[in-house]
Every structure is written in structure tokens, then in C-alpha cells.
Amino acid sequence: MAGPRHTRGTPPSVVEASAFVWCALALGVLGWADALGSAQLSASGERSDISRYFPLF
């Protein structure tokens, strides 16, 4: 993916969640907005919204 150059500090786009939440997102059991709203998922940066890739199955 092309994007901004990262030189130091926190990367420009970061998504963090537990393994359980990633699996729930992948299976469609949990939605992106619901995970963000309930603080089960942390997404920051200009390219951190990867909601279009879920669910995987």
C-alpha cells in the first residue's frame, strides 16, 4: 500500500484489538462500528478504517 512515509514514533495508521475481536470481525459476529463504539477496537490515523474488509467469511 502506498502511503505516508514513517520515520519515527507511532506509525500514521494503527489498528489494535484482541485476537477474539479480530476473529469476531472476520466472522461478521461483530461489526466495525460496534467494536469501535464499545472500545474493543482502537483505530487511529488517516488510513486506519479497514472496515470494508470485514467480514472475511
Protein backbone atom coordinates (compact mmCIF):
# COMPACT_ATOMS: atom_id res chain seq x y z
CA MET A 1 0.00 0.00 0.00
CA ALA A 2 1.31 3.39 -0.87
CA GLY A 3 1.04 5.92 1.89
CA PRO A 4 2.79 8.47 4.04
CA ARG A 5 6.42 7.89 4.93
CA HIS A 6 7.01 6.85 8.54
CA THR A 7 10.27 7.91 10.17
CA ARG A 8 9.80 7.57 13.95
CA GLY A 9 7.25 7.41 16.74
CA THR A 10 3.80 5.90 16.36
CA PRO A 11 3.03 4.83 12.80
CA PRO A 12 0.49 7.02 10.97
CA SER A 13 -2.23 4.34 10.85
CA VAL A 14 -2.65 1.87 13.71
CA VAL A 15 -5.43 -0.66 14.38
CA GLU A 16 -5.36 -2.66 17.62
CA ALA A 17 -7.72 -5.28 19.02
CA SER A 18 -7.62 -8.59 20.85
CA ALA A 19 -7.47 -11.84 18.91
CA PHE A 20 -11.07 -12.54 19.94
CA VAL A 21 -12.25 -9.23 18.45
CA TRP A 22 -10.31 -9.83 15.20
CA CYS A 23 -11.98 -13.24 14.86
CA ALA A 24 -15.42 -11.76 15.61
CA LEU A 25 -14.86 -9.09 12.95
CA ALA A 26 -13.65 -11.66 10.42
CA LEU A 27 -16.69 -13.88 11.00
CA GLY A 28 -19.16 -11.00 10.97
CA VAL A 29 -20.23 -11.61 14.56
CA LEU A 30 -19.09 -8.09 15.50
CA GLY A 31 -19.28 -5.01 13.32
CA TRP A 32 -16.50 -2.43 12.95
CA ALA A 33 -18.61 0.43 14.30
CA ASP A 34 -19.78 -1.65 17.26
CA ALA A 35 -16.20 -2.65 18.11
CA LEU A 36 -15.05 0.98 17.96
CA GLY A 37 -18.05 2.22 19.94
CA SER A 38 -17.50 -0.29 22.73
CA ALA A 39 -13.72 0.36 22.86
CA GLN A 40 -12.90 -3.23 21.84
CA LEU A 41 -11.02 -1.84 18.86
CA SER A 42 -8.66 1.11 18.59
CA ALA A 43 -8.11 2.67 15.16
CA SER A 44 -6.14 5.86 14.63
CA GLY A 45 -4.65 7.54 11.61
CA GLU A 46 -5.76 8.61 8.18
CA ARG A 47 -5.82 5.08 6.71
CA SER A 48 -6.93 3.06 9.73
CA ASP A 49 -10.54 2.49 8.64
CA ILE A 50 -10.30 -1.01 7.20
CA SER A 51 -13.97 -1.79 7.82
CA ARG A 52 -14.58 -2.53 4.13
CA TYR A 53 -12.53 -5.73 4.50
CA PHE A 54 -14.85 -7.24 7.14
CA PRO A 55 -16.39 -9.73 7.41
CA LEU A 56 -13.94 -12.02 5.66
CA PHE A 57 -16.27 -15.03 5.63
